[in-house]
Amino acid sequence: MPKKSKSEGFHSAAGLIRYFDTETEKAIKVPPWLVIGMAISSAVVITVMAYIWPV
């Protein structure tokens, strides 16, 4: 079996950089603190529900 060329990673990385470089103005922008807050509050709610309704 032939060896893979090491230059394949660069082409795929260049495509990803070009894809993520174009940012639309119509996209919803969510602040990072909101994501962290939602994750923490979800964990708290699930933990409290586990104590209220044990399986």
PDB file of N, CA and C in Angstrom:
ATOM      1  N   MET A   1       0.837  -1.173   0.000  1.00  0.00           N
ATOM      2  CA  MET A   1       0.000   0.000   0.000  1.00  0.00           C
ATOM      3  C   MET A   1       0.887   1.243   0.000  1.00  0.00           C
ATOM      4  N   PRO A   2       0.550   2.212  -0.812  1.00  0.00           N
ATOM      5  CA  PRO A   2       1.379   3.417  -0.867  1.00  0.00           C
ATOM      6  C   PRO A   2       1.206   4.253   0.395  1.00  0.00           C
ATOM      7  N   LYS A   3       2.253   4.950   0.745  1.00  0.00           N
ATOM      8  CA  LYS A   3       2.193   5.836   1.911  1.00  0.00           C
ATOM      9  C   LYS A   3       1.365   7.077   1.587  1.00  0.00           C
ATOM     10  N   LYS A   4       0.711   7.591   2.611  1.00  0.00           N
ATOM     11  CA  LYS A   4      -0.055   8.824   2.421  1.00  0.00           C
ATOM     12  C   LYS A   4       0.891  10.009   2.370  1.00  0.00           C
ATOM     13  N   SER A   5       0.522  10.971   1.595  1.00  0.00           N
ATOM     14  CA  SER A   5       1.322  12.187   1.499  1.00  0.00           C
ATOM     15  C   SER A   5       1.060  13.066   2.718  1.00  0.00           C
ATOM     16  N   LYS A   6       2.058  13.696   3.240  1.00  0.00           N
ATOM     17  CA  LYS A   6       1.890  14.553   4.409  1.00  0.00           C
ATOM     18  C   LYS A   6       1.238  15.879   4.053  1.00  0.00           C
ATOM     19  N   SER A   7       1.133  16.198   2.768  1.00  0.00           N
ATOM     20  CA  SER A   7       0.576  17.486   2.375  1.00  0.00           C
ATOM     21  C   SER A   7      -0.956  17.492   2.366  1.00  0.00           C
ATOM     22  N   GLU A   8      -1.596  16.340   2.630  1.00  0.00           N
ATOM     23  CA  GLU A   8      -3.064  16.304   2.623  1.00  0.00           C
ATOM     24  C   GLU A   8      -3.660  17.128   3.746  1.00  0.00           C
ATOM     25  N   GLY A   9      -3.038  17.155   4.904  1.00  0.00           N
ATOM     26  CA  GLY A   9      -3.563  17.904   6.037  1.00  0.00           C
ATOM     27  C   GLY A   9      -3.623  19.397   5.783  1.00  0.00           C
ATOM     28  N   PHE A  10      -2.657  19.901   5.052  1.00  0.00           N
ATOM     29  CA  PHE A  10      -2.635  21.337   4.783  1.00  0.00           C
ATOM     30  C   PHE A  10      -3.828  21.753   3.931  1.00  0.00           C
ATOM     31  N   HIS A  11      -4.169  20.958   2.937  1.00  0.00           N
ATOM     32  CA  HIS A  11      -5.287  21.319   2.063  1.00  0.00           C
ATOM     33  C   HIS A  11      -6.600  21.316   2.832  1.00  0.00           C
ATOM     34  N   SER A  12      -6.810  20.330   3.692  1.00  0.00           N
ATOM     35  CA  SER A  12      -8.057  20.297   4.449  1.00  0.00           C
ATOM     36  C   SER A  12      -8.083  21.418   5.482  1.00  0.00           C
ATOM     37  N   ALA A  13      -6.954  21.722   6.089  1.00  0.00           N
ATOM     38  CA  ALA A  13      -6.904  22.813   7.063  1.00  0.00           C
ATOM     39  C   ALA A  13      -7.157  24.154   6.376  1.00  0.00           C
ATOM     40  N   ALA A  14      -6.638  24.306   5.179  1.00  0.00           N
ATOM     41  CA  ALA A  14      -6.851  25.564   4.457  1.00  0.00           C
ATOM     42  C   ALA A  14      -8.332  25.743   4.145  1.00  0.00           C
ATOM     43  N   GLY A  15      -9.008  24.663   3.826  1.00  0.00           N
ATOM     44  CA  GLY A  15     -10.439  24.749   3.556  1.00  0.00           C
ATOM     45  C   GLY A  15     -11.225  25.124   4.801  1.00  0.00           C
ATOM     46  N   LEU A  16     -10.842  24.563   5.946  1.00  0.00           N
ATOM     47  CA  LEU A  16     -11.530  24.899   7.192  1.00  0.00           C
ATOM     48  C   LEU A  16     -11.272  26.344   7.587  1.00  0.00           C
ATOM     49  N   ILE A  17     -10.050  26.788   7.399  1.00  0.00           N
ATOM     50  CA  ILE A  17      -9.750  28.183   7.734  1.00  0.00           C
ATOM     51  C   ILE A  17     -10.557  29.116   6.846  1.00  0.00           C
ATOM     52  N   ARG A  18     -10.655  28.787   5.584  1.00  0.00           N
ATOM     53  CA  ARG A  18     -11.419  29.627   4.661  1.00  0.00           C
ATOM     54  C   ARG A  18     -12.907  29.580   5.025  1.00  0.00           C
ATOM     55  N   TYR A  19     -13.411  28.404   5.472  1.00  0.00           N
ATOM     56  CA  TYR A  19     -14.819  28.266   5.827  1.00  0.00           C
ATOM     57  C   TYR A  19     -15.143  29.078   7.083  1.00  0.00           C
ATOM     58  N   PHE A  20     -14.308  28.973   8.114  1.00  0.00           N
ATOM     59  CA  PHE A  20     -14.586  29.669   9.362  1.00  0.00           C
ATOM     60  C   PHE A  20     -14.197  31.138   9.306  1.00  0.00           C
ATOM     61  N   ASP A  21     -13.438  31.531   8.310  1.00  0.00           N
ATOM     62  CA  ASP A  21     -13.041  32.926   8.186  1.00  0.00           C
ATOM     63  C   ASP A  21     -14.209  33.785   7.718  1.00  0.00           C
ATOM     64  N   THR A  22     -15.113  33.196   6.961  1.00  0.00           N
ATOM     65  CA  THR A  22     -16.262  33.954   6.480  1.00  0.00           C
ATOM     66  C   THR A  22     -17.358  33.894   7.540  1.00  0.00           C
ATOM     67  N   GLU A  23     -17.572  34.998   8.197  1.00  0.00           N
ATOM     68  CA  GLU A  23     -18.554  35.062   9.266  1.00  0.00           C
ATOM     69  C   GLU A  23     -19.721  35.924   8.789  1.00  0.00           C
ATOM     70  N   THR A  24     -20.922  35.416   8.923  1.00  0.00           N
ATOM     71  CA  THR A  24     -22.077  36.169   8.468  1.00  0.00           C
ATOM     72  C   THR A  24     -22.561  37.104   9.570  1.00  0.00           C
ATOM     73  N   GLU A  25     -23.165  38.171   9.167  1.00  0.00           N
ATOM     74  CA  GLU A  25     -23.712  39.125  10.119  1.00  0.00           C
ATOM     75  C   GLU A  25     -25.094  38.689  10.606  1.00  0.00           C
ATOM     76  N   LYS A  26     -25.718  37.736   9.909  1.00  0.00           N
ATOM     77  CA  LYS A  26     -27.057  37.281  10.273  1.00  0.00           C
ATOM     78  C   LYS A  26     -27.039  36.213  11.364  1.00  0.00           C
ATOM     79  N   ALA A  27     -25.877  35.697  11.706  1.00  0.00           N
ATOM     80  CA  ALA A  27     -25.779  34.619  12.687  1.00  0.00           C
ATOM     81  C   ALA A  27     -26.126  35.128  14.083  1.00  0.00           C
ATOM     82  N   ILE A  28     -26.704  34.243  14.876  1.00  0.00           N
ATOM     83  CA  ILE A  28     -27.022  34.580  16.254  1.00  0.00           C
ATOM     84  C   ILE A  28     -25.726  34.547  17.054  1.00  0.00           C
ATOM     85  N   LYS A  29     -25.461  35.600  17.790  1.00  0.00           N
ATOM     86  CA  LYS A  29     -24.248  35.668  18.596  1.00  0.00           C
ATOM     87  C   LYS A  29     -24.615  35.447  20.055  1.00  0.00           C
ATOM     88  N   VAL A  30     -24.072  34.374  20.623  1.00  0.00           N
ATOM     89  CA  VAL A  30     -24.348  34.007  22.001  1.00  0.00           C
ATOM     90  C   VAL A  30     -23.085  34.248  22.817  1.00  0.00           C
ATOM     91  N   PRO A  31     -23.189  35.026  23.872  1.00  0.00           N
ATOM     92  CA  PRO A  31     -22.003  35.265  24.699  1.00  0.00           C
ATOM     93  C   PRO A  31     -21.576  33.991  25.427  1.00  0.00           C
ATOM     94  N   PRO A  32     -20.273  33.819  25.624  1.00  0.00           N
ATOM     95  CA  PRO A  32     -19.784  32.599  26.276  1.00  0.00           C
ATOM     96  C   PRO A  32     -20.311  32.425  27.697  1.00  0.00           C
ATOM     97  N   TRP A  33     -20.521  33.502  28.433  1.00  0.00           N
ATOM     98  CA  TRP A  33     -21.014  33.375  29.806  1.00  0.00           C
ATOM     99  C   TRP A  33     -22.421  32.809  29.837  1.00  0.00           C
ATOM    100  N   LEU A  34     -23.206  33.053  28.789  1.00  0.00           N
ATOM    101  CA  LEU A  34     -24.558  32.509  28.733  1.00  0.00           C
ATOM    102  C   LEU A  34     -24.521  30.988  28.547  1.00  0.00           C
ATOM    103  N   VAL A  35     -23.622  30.511  27.726  1.00  0.00           N
ATOM    104  CA  VAL A  35     -23.491  29.072  27.508  1.00  0.00           C
ATOM    105  C   VAL A  35     -23.054  28.378  28.793  1.00  0.00           C
ATOM    106  N   ILE A  36     -22.083  28.960  29.487  1.00  0.00           N
ATOM    107  CA  ILE A  36     -21.611  28.373  30.744  1.00  0.00           C
ATOM    108  C   ILE A  36     -22.711  28.417  31.807  1.00  0.00           C
ATOM    109  N   GLY A  37     -23.425  29.510  31.863  1.00  0.00           N
ATOM    110  CA  GLY A  37     -24.532  29.630  32.821  1.00  0.00           C
ATOM    111  C   GLY A  37     -25.635  28.633  32.557  1.00  0.00           C
ATOM    112  N   MET A  38     -25.963  28.419  31.295  1.00  0.00           N
ATOM    113  CA  MET A  38     -27.000  27.437  30.953  1.00  0.00           C
ATOM    114  C   MET A  38     -26.548  26.020  31.309  1.00  0.00           C
ATOM    115  N   ALA A  39     -25.281  25.710  31.093  1.00  0.00           N
ATOM    116  CA  ALA A  39     -24.762  24.385  31.425  1.00  0.00           C
ATOM    117  C   ALA A  39     -24.798  24.149  32.933  1.00  0.00           C
ATOM    118  N   ILE A  40     -24.388  25.140  33.698  1.00  0.00           N
ATOM    119  CA  ILE A  40     -24.398  25.003  35.155  1.00  0.00           C
ATOM    120  C   ILE A  40     -25.821  24.901  35.676  1.00  0.00           C
ATOM    121  N   SER A  41     -26.712  25.728  35.167  1.00  0.00           N
ATOM    122  CA  SER A  41     -28.097  25.675  35.640  1.00  0.00           C
ATOM    123  C   SER A  41     -28.772  24.363  35.246  1.00  0.00           C
ATOM    124  N   SER A  42     -28.447  23.828  34.095  1.00  0.00           N
ATOM    125  CA  SER A  42     -29.002  22.527  33.702  1.00  0.00           C
ATOM    126  C   SER A  42     -28.506  21.426  34.629  1.00  0.00           C
ATOM    127  N   ALA A  43     -27.230  21.467  34.986  1.00  0.00           N
ATOM    128  CA  ALA A  43     -26.681  20.467  35.899  1.00  0.00           C
ATOM    129  C   ALA A  43     -27.337  20.557  37.269  1.00  0.00           C
ATOM    130  N   VAL A  44     -27.578  21.778  37.739  1.00  0.00           N
ATOM    131  CA  VAL A  44     -28.228  21.956  39.039  1.00  0.00           C
ATOM    132  C   VAL A  44     -29.654  21.434  38.995  1.00  0.00           C
ATOM    133  N   VAL A  45     -30.391  21.750  37.959  1.00  0.00           N
ATOM    134  CA  VAL A  45     -31.784  21.299  37.844  1.00  0.00           C
ATOM    135  C   VAL A  45     -31.847  19.776  37.786  1.00  0.00           C
ATOM    136  N   ILE A  46     -30.977  19.150  37.024  1.00  0.00           N
ATOM    137  CA  ILE A  46     -30.985  17.689  36.910  1.00  0.00           C
ATOM    138  C   ILE A  46     -30.616  17.040  38.244  1.00  0.00           C
ATOM    139  N   THR A  47     -29.645  17.625  38.963  1.00  0.00           N
ATOM    140  CA  THR A  47     -29.257  17.084  40.271  1.00  0.00           C
ATOM    141  C   THR A  47     -30.394  17.206  41.280  1.00  0.00           C
ATOM    142  N   VAL A  48     -31.064  18.348  41.303  1.00  0.00           N
ATOM    143  CA  VAL A  48     -32.188  18.540  42.222  1.00  0.00           C
ATOM    144  C   VAL A  48     -33.319  17.583  41.883  1.00  0.00           C
ATOM    145  N   MET A  49     -33.598  17.394  40.596  1.00  0.00           N
ATOM    146  CA  MET A  49     -34.673  16.471  40.201  1.00  0.00           C
ATOM    147  C   MET A  49     -34.331  15.031  40.576  1.00  0.00           C
ATOM    148  N   ALA A  50     -33.057  14.672  40.557  1.00  0.00           N
ATOM    149  CA  ALA A  50     -32.651  13.324  40.926  1.00  0.00           C
ATOM    150  C   ALA A  50     -32.888  13.083  42.416  1.00  0.00           C
ATOM    151  N   TYR A  51     -32.723  14.116  43.241  1.00  0.00           N
ATOM    152  CA  TYR A  51     -33.004  13.961  44.664  1.00  0.00           C
ATOM    153  C   TYR A  51     -34.496  13.961  44.958  1.00  0.00           C
ATOM    154  N   ILE A  52     -35.273  14.683  44.186  1.00  0.00           N
ATOM    155  CA  ILE A  52     -36.718  14.754  44.421  1.00  0.00           C
ATOM    156  C   ILE A  52     -37.400  13.464  43.982  1.00  0.00           C
ATOM    157  N   TRP A  53     -37.041  12.976  42.802  1.00  0.00           N
ATOM    158  CA  TRP A  53     -37.638  11.753  42.251  1.00  0.00           C
ATOM    159  C   TRP A  53     -36.569  10.676  42.074  1.00  0.00           C
ATOM    160  N   PRO A  54     -36.204   9.985  43.152  1.00  0.00           N
ATOM    161  CA  PRO A  54     -35.208   8.922  42.987  1.00  0.00           C
ATOM    162  C   PRO A  54     -35.777   7.754  42.193  1.00  0.00           C
ATOM    163  N   VAL A  55     -34.901   7.105  41.460  1.00  0.00           N
ATOM    164  CA  VAL A  55     -35.353   5.987  40.598  1.00  0.00           C
ATOM    165  C   VAL A  55     -35.240   4.690  41.332  1.00  0.00           C
TER     166      VAL A  55
END
